[in-house]
Amino acid sequence: MLKVYIASDHAGFVKKQELARELGQEFRLVDLGPEQLNPEDDYPVFAERVARAVADETGSMGLLICDSGQGMEIAANKIDGVRAAVAWNKHIAFETRRDNDSNVLSLPAAELSLSEMVEIARTWLTTSFSGAERHQRRIEEIEQLEEDNG
């Protein structure tokens, strides 16, 4: 069963709890916080927890939920080995997995209903990287950018 780390900030807390209940039978979810709703939560803390867990455990994936999805995605992408993407529909979720081998998905809680989030997350979690040479080459080019600027 696929291991999926999940976290949110205060804006995504309720939907994170609901999403975890919906996906909990299909995937092994590990909730990295927060444990309770706190309007003072800072999203970079939770994005880092998920990103580091995914980077450290080959084959695992991560789900992040915040208001727009953008802040979490930006923070997660600061961790080496993470390719985080925001998705707001199934097509984007599919594309970012198949073509970009994204390993962390950030969802915009303010823009999506729970049913949309479940559909998007399920699509993303069940789509495999294509392995196509051109896609692999582009991922390697991105990794080289990180090394050149690191």
C-alpha atoms as a PDB file:
ATOM      1  CA  MET A   1       0.000   0.000   0.000  1.00  0.00           C
ATOM      2  CA  LEU A   2       1.381   3.392  -1.021  1.00  0.00           C
ATOM      3  CA  LYS A   3       2.612   5.497   1.903  1.00  0.00           C
ATOM      4  CA  VAL A   4       1.360   9.070   1.714  1.00  0.00           C
ATOM      5  CA  TYR A   5       2.404  11.829   4.085  1.00  0.00           C
ATOM      6  CA  ILE A   6      -0.249  14.508   4.572  1.00  0.00           C
ATOM      7  CA  ALA A   7      -0.281  17.906   6.282  1.00  0.00           C
ATOM      8  CA  SER A   8      -2.013  21.252   6.136  1.00  0.00           C
ATOM      9  CA  ASP A   9      -2.032  24.681   7.628  1.00  0.00           C
ATOM     10  CA  HIS A  10      -4.996  26.194   9.454  1.00  0.00           C
ATOM     11  CA  ALA A  11      -6.771  27.071   6.195  1.00  0.00           C
ATOM     12  CA  GLY A  12      -6.651  23.473   5.005  1.00  0.00           C
ATOM     13  CA  PHE A  13      -7.072  21.730   8.341  1.00  0.00           C
ATOM     14  CA  VAL A  14     -10.739  20.704   8.055  1.00  0.00           C
ATOM     15  CA  LYS A  15     -10.386  19.471   4.476  1.00  0.00           C
ATOM     16  CA  LYS A  16      -7.183  17.618   5.380  1.00  0.00           C
ATOM     17  CA  GLN A  17      -9.078  15.690   8.043  1.00  0.00           C
ATOM     18  CA  GLU A  18     -11.895  14.903   5.606  1.00  0.00           C
ATOM     19  CA  LEU A  19      -9.526  13.985   2.776  1.00  0.00           C
ATOM     20  CA  ALA A  20      -7.623  11.623   5.078  1.00  0.00           C
ATOM     21  CA  ARG A  21     -10.880   9.874   6.018  1.00  0.00           C
ATOM     22  CA  GLU A  22     -11.825   9.507   2.344  1.00  0.00           C
ATOM     23  CA  LEU A  23      -8.448   8.139   1.208  1.00  0.00           C
ATOM     24  CA  GLY A  24      -7.488   6.205   4.324  1.00  0.00           C
ATOM     25  CA  GLN A  25      -8.725   2.848   3.058  1.00  0.00           C
ATOM     26  CA  GLU A  26      -6.826   3.073  -0.229  1.00  0.00           C
ATOM     27  CA  PHE A  27      -3.506   4.492   0.939  1.00  0.00           C
ATOM     28  CA  ARG A  28      -1.387   4.341   4.086  1.00  0.00           C
ATOM     29  CA  LEU A  29      -1.697   7.941   5.264  1.00  0.00           C
ATOM     30  CA  VAL A  30       0.659   9.451   7.808  1.00  0.00           C
ATOM     31  CA  ASP A  31      -0.625  12.760   9.199  1.00  0.00           C
ATOM     32  CA  LEU A  32       2.258  15.141   9.938  1.00  0.00           C
ATOM     33  CA  GLY A  33       0.080  17.879  11.349  1.00  0.00           C
ATOM     34  CA  PRO A  34      -1.304  19.941  12.624  1.00  0.00           C
ATOM     35  CA  GLU A  35      -3.191  17.864  15.150  1.00  0.00           C
ATOM     36  CA  GLN A  36      -5.658  20.622  15.940  1.00  0.00           C
ATOM     37  CA  LEU A  37      -6.905  23.785  14.321  1.00  0.00           C
ATOM     38  CA  ASN A  38      -4.711  26.760  15.210  1.00  0.00           C
ATOM     39  CA  PRO A  39      -5.039  30.006  13.214  1.00  0.00           C
ATOM     40  CA  GLU A  40      -1.423  30.833  14.102  1.00  0.00           C
ATOM     41  CA  ASP A  41       0.009  27.801  12.266  1.00  0.00           C
ATOM     42  CA  ASP A  42       2.700  28.611   9.738  1.00  0.00           C
ATOM     43  CA  TYR A  43       2.467  26.540   6.555  1.00  0.00           C
ATOM     44  CA  PRO A  44       6.243  26.274   5.893  1.00  0.00           C
ATOM     45  CA  VAL A  45       6.643  24.101   9.007  1.00  0.00           C
ATOM     46  CA  PHE A  46       4.134  21.528   7.772  1.00  0.00           C
ATOM     47  CA  ALA A  47       5.267  21.680   4.154  1.00  0.00           C
ATOM     48  CA  GLU A  48       8.811  20.944   5.302  1.00  0.00           C
ATOM     49  CA  ARG A  49       7.695  17.965   7.397  1.00  0.00           C
ATOM     50  CA  VAL A  50       6.004  16.331   4.432  1.00  0.00           C
ATOM     51  CA  ALA A  51       8.733  17.268   1.946  1.00  0.00           C
ATOM     52  CA  ARG A  52      11.533  15.880   4.131  1.00  0.00           C
ATOM     53  CA  ALA A  53       9.601  12.667   4.768  1.00  0.00           C
ATOM     54  CA  VAL A  54       9.028  12.160   1.023  1.00  0.00           C
ATOM     55  CA  ALA A  55      12.648  13.019   0.189  1.00  0.00           C
ATOM     56  CA  ASP A  56      13.887  10.560   2.821  1.00  0.00           C
ATOM     57  CA  GLU A  57      11.632   7.653   1.860  1.00  0.00           C
ATOM     58  CA  THR A  58      11.835   6.493  -1.732  1.00  0.00           C
ATOM     59  CA  GLY A  59       8.471   5.600  -3.166  1.00  0.00           C
ATOM     60  CA  SER A  60       6.420   7.645  -0.730  1.00  0.00           C
ATOM     61  CA  MET A  61       4.337  10.638  -1.741  1.00  0.00           C
ATOM     62  CA  GLY A  62       2.996  13.742  -0.048  1.00  0.00           C
ATOM     63  CA  LEU A  63      -0.221  15.729   0.085  1.00  0.00           C
ATOM     64  CA  LEU A  64      -0.350  19.319   1.310  1.00  0.00           C
ATOM     65  CA  ILE A  65      -3.470  21.408   1.803  1.00  0.00           C
ATOM     66  CA  CYS A  66      -3.548  25.177   2.303  1.00  0.00           C
ATOM     67  CA  ASP A  67      -5.699  28.084   1.195  1.00  0.00           C
ATOM     68  CA  SER A  68      -4.308  28.561  -2.331  1.00  0.00           C
ATOM     69  CA  GLY A  69      -1.922  25.597  -2.468  1.00  0.00           C
ATOM     70  CA  GLN A  70       0.834  27.963  -3.571  1.00  0.00           C
ATOM     71  CA  GLY A  71       2.636  28.633  -0.296  1.00  0.00           C
ATOM     72  CA  MET A  72       2.910  24.977   0.591  1.00  0.00           C
ATOM     73  CA  GLU A  73       4.161  24.146  -2.902  1.00  0.00           C
ATOM     74  CA  ILE A  74       6.828  26.844  -2.785  1.00  0.00           C
ATOM     75  CA  ALA A  75       8.040  25.724   0.649  1.00  0.00           C
ATOM     76  CA  ALA A  76       8.091  22.020  -0.257  1.00  0.00           C
ATOM     77  CA  ASN A  77      10.147  22.685  -3.378  1.00  0.00           C
ATOM     78  CA  LYS A  78      12.974  24.052  -1.216  1.00  0.00           C
ATOM     79  CA  ILE A  79      13.764  20.494  -0.114  1.00  0.00           C
ATOM     80  CA  ASP A  80      16.167  18.550  -2.353  1.00  0.00           C
ATOM     81  CA  GLY A  81      14.511  15.634  -4.080  1.00  0.00           C
ATOM     82  CA  VAL A  82      11.024  17.109  -3.940  1.00  0.00           C
ATOM     83  CA  ARG A  83       9.023  17.990  -7.016  1.00  0.00           C
ATOM     84  CA  ALA A  84       5.892  19.618  -5.624  1.00  0.00           C
ATOM     85  CA  ALA A  85       3.040  20.823  -7.790  1.00  0.00           C
ATOM     86  CA  VAL A  86      -0.300  22.547  -7.277  1.00  0.00           C
ATOM     87  CA  ALA A  87      -3.270  20.931  -8.982  1.00  0.00           C
ATOM     88  CA  TRP A  88      -6.791  22.282  -9.250  1.00  0.00           C
ATOM     89  CA  ASN A  89      -8.248  19.609 -11.532  1.00  0.00           C
ATOM     90  CA  LYS A  90      -7.706  15.983 -12.546  1.00  0.00           C
ATOM     91  CA  HIS A  91      -5.974  16.858 -15.798  1.00  0.00           C
ATOM     92  CA  ILE A  92      -3.262  18.903 -14.074  1.00  0.00           C
ATOM     93  CA  ALA A  93      -2.829  16.182 -11.420  1.00  0.00           C
ATOM     94  CA  PHE A  94      -2.432  13.531 -14.109  1.00  0.00           C
ATOM     95  CA  GLU A  95       0.017  15.609 -16.150  1.00  0.00           C
ATOM     96  CA  THR A  96       2.253  16.535 -13.244  1.00  0.00           C
ATOM     97  CA  ARG A  97       2.615  12.886 -12.240  1.00  0.00           C
ATOM     98  CA  ARG A  98       2.978  11.418 -15.728  1.00  0.00           C
ATOM     99  CA  ASP A  99       5.289  14.051 -17.181  1.00  0.00           C
ATOM    100  CA  ASN A 100       7.059  15.631 -14.187  1.00  0.00           C
ATOM    101  CA  ASP A 101       7.130  12.726 -11.710  1.00  0.00           C
ATOM    102  CA  SER A 102       5.900  15.075  -8.980  1.00  0.00           C
ATOM    103  CA  ASN A 103       6.080  13.481  -5.546  1.00  0.00           C
ATOM    104  CA  VAL A 104       4.232  16.116  -3.501  1.00  0.00           C
ATOM    105  CA  LEU A 105       0.819  17.513  -4.411  1.00  0.00           C
ATOM    106  CA  SER A 106      -0.466  20.779  -2.985  1.00  0.00           C
ATOM    107  CA  LEU A 107      -4.201  21.360  -3.042  1.00  0.00           C
ATOM    108  CA  PRO A 108      -5.985  24.723  -2.761  1.00  0.00           C
ATOM    109  CA  ALA A 109      -8.615  24.237  -0.046  1.00  0.00           C
ATOM    110  CA  ALA A 110     -10.277  27.578  -0.784  1.00  0.00           C
ATOM    111  CA  GLU A 111     -10.901  26.675  -4.425  1.00  0.00           C
ATOM    112  CA  LEU A 112     -11.983  23.031  -4.244  1.00  0.00           C
ATOM    113  CA  SER A 113     -14.801  21.068  -2.687  1.00  0.00           C
ATOM    114  CA  LEU A 114     -13.972  17.926  -0.751  1.00  0.00           C
ATOM    115  CA  SER A 115     -15.217  15.726  -3.605  1.00  0.00           C
ATOM    116  CA  GLU A 116     -12.987  17.601  -6.070  1.00  0.00           C
ATOM    117  CA  MET A 117     -10.003  17.230  -3.744  1.00  0.00           C
ATOM    118  CA  VAL A 118     -10.598  13.497  -3.383  1.00  0.00           C
ATOM    119  CA  GLU A 119     -10.902  13.059  -7.152  1.00  0.00           C
ATOM    120  CA  ILE A 120      -7.746  15.099  -7.831  1.00  0.00           C
ATOM    121  CA  ALA A 121      -5.701  13.407  -5.108  1.00  0.00           C
ATOM    122  CA  ARG A 122      -6.837   9.934  -6.164  1.00  0.00           C
ATOM    123  CA  THR A 123      -5.944  10.675  -9.801  1.00  0.00           C
ATOM    124  CA  TRP A 124      -2.520  11.959  -8.788  1.00  0.00           C
ATOM    125  CA  LEU A 125      -1.806   9.084  -6.398  1.00  0.00           C
ATOM    126  CA  THR A 126      -2.742   6.419  -8.948  1.00  0.00           C
ATOM    127  CA  THR A 127      -0.930   7.899 -11.951  1.00  0.00           C
ATOM    128  CA  SER A 128       2.576   6.640 -12.684  1.00  0.00           C
ATOM    129  CA  PHE A 129       5.487   8.565 -14.124  1.00  0.00           C
ATOM    130  CA  SER A 130       5.713   7.796 -17.832  1.00  0.00           C
ATOM    131  CA  GLY A 131       9.450   7.204 -17.764  1.00  0.00           C
ATOM    132  CA  ALA A 132       9.622   8.686 -21.246  1.00  0.00           C
ATOM    133  CA  GLU A 133      13.145   9.730 -22.181  1.00  0.00           C
ATOM    134  CA  ARG A 134      12.168  13.351 -22.779  1.00  0.00           C
ATOM    135  CA  HIS A 135      10.450  13.589 -19.389  1.00  0.00           C
ATOM    136  CA  GLN A 136      13.390  11.987 -17.595  1.00  0.00           C
ATOM    137  CA  ARG A 137      15.811  14.321 -19.399  1.00  0.00           C
ATOM    138  CA  ARG A 138      13.814  17.373 -18.294  1.00  0.00           C
ATOM    139  CA  ILE A 139      13.755  16.216 -14.674  1.00  0.00           C
ATOM    140  CA  GLU A 140      17.526  15.783 -14.821  1.00  0.00           C
ATOM    141  CA  GLU A 141      17.840  19.304 -16.251  1.00  0.00           C
ATOM    142  CA  ILE A 142      15.820  20.643 -13.306  1.00  0.00           C
ATOM    143  CA  GLU A 143      18.027  18.753 -10.866  1.00  0.00           C
ATOM    144  CA  GLN A 144      21.083  20.249 -12.547  1.00  0.00           C
ATOM    145  CA  LEU A 145      19.644  23.741 -11.980  1.00  0.00           C
ATOM    146  CA  GLU A 146      19.404  22.943  -8.278  1.00  0.00           C
ATOM    147  CA  GLU A 147      23.027  21.788  -8.177  1.00  0.00           C
ATOM    148  CA  ASP A 148      24.242  24.823 -10.122  1.00  0.00           C
ATOM    149  CA  ASN A 149      22.476  27.183  -7.726  1.00  0.00           C
ATOM    150  CA  GLY A 150      23.030  25.192  -4.515  1.00  0.00           C
END
